Amino acid sequence: MSFKTVCFLAFVSSAYSTSILKESIGDEEEEKVPSAASASCPEGWIESIEGCFYFAHTATGLIWREGQELCENLGGHLAEIKSEEQNTFLVSLAMFEENLIHRQSWQIGLSDQGHEGRWIWQHSTEDVEFVNWASGQPEGIYDDCACMDLENDYMWVAVRCDEPDYFGSPICMKDASEPTSTTASSTSTSTLPPTSSTSTPEHTSTSYFNRVELIGSGNSSYEGNVYAVNHDEFFGPVCDDGWGAAEANVVCRQLGFAGGFATTESQFGDVYTTNFAMDDIHCEGDEEHLQDCSYDSVDDCSIREGAGVICY
């Protein structure tokens, strides 16, 4: 298991589990603790105690302003990182996304445009307090917007807001209670992720705990190798041992399709790790989620044994 994966797992385990927090407070306050499992996040967004997050990895080649607009059109805003814990969480997810899709720069909602040297979170209009600037940052009077950058270990760097010399993809954020906008962006020419209001099914499931995603060389909107979260809250590939029609149909229905065909032997490219989330899986066929099927979380599979689906 790579350092990136360990980092991701360690933090996700703490970020998504509210039991530790609840043990530290009284019974009267327990009902006030937000629960990731009960949060109401749109399709494809990641649930956390602090709200909903969406890594818009399909929105490539966006300048910062276009990333801000995309998040607003999805009913949210560019992510505002106001604590070390929240920063660690997003950095871990950024590492995980980079390991999967090689996205290296992520836009966040911080800017000093119009008030040089005074960095303000653009949605809440709050002055920045917690900071995670890379060495020598921020610099340049024309670099007025912020990104998390792989070359700086996902610390913050200042970039130009409106000039296409520094592209990235946005990290969107919204409260679980915020309404979801269905308005499409009219200014961006990039391919934007679908919203929950479209007729095309999402290729990820809603809740982190029931998360299923199709990844690989196919058209990931309806086909790909299957990745899922298991009962240990580990997100990874599903092994093709025991994989068949019943399992494929459960996955495809979970993603909003009518059904699907099973594929094996990593048909959509080798999976990225030998640490599988599920092995020897068996579904009856009527389960609501793949996570409801029986499976082992300890595997003996190789990167060429990924289970996949072609949904219809």
Foldseek 3Di string as FASTA:
>chain_A
DDPLQVLQLVLVLVFQDCPVVLVVDDPVCNVVQDHQVPFADWFQWEGTSVFTKHFFVQQWLDFQVVQQVLLVQFQFGFADDQDPSSLSNVLSVVSVVCLAPVFFKEFGQWWCPPPFPFIARVPVRHTHDDAFAAPPPDDDRQQTGWMQGVVRSRHIYGHHRPDSPDMHHTITTDHSPGDTHQDDDDPDPGDGAHTNPDPQFAQWAHYLQQTWFAGAQDPRSFKHFIWHQEPSRRIFFEFCQLDFQLLQQLSQVRRPFRGWGKDWQRPRDFTSDPQHQWYNWDDPNPDNGSNVTDTDNDDDDGSRGTMMIGTD
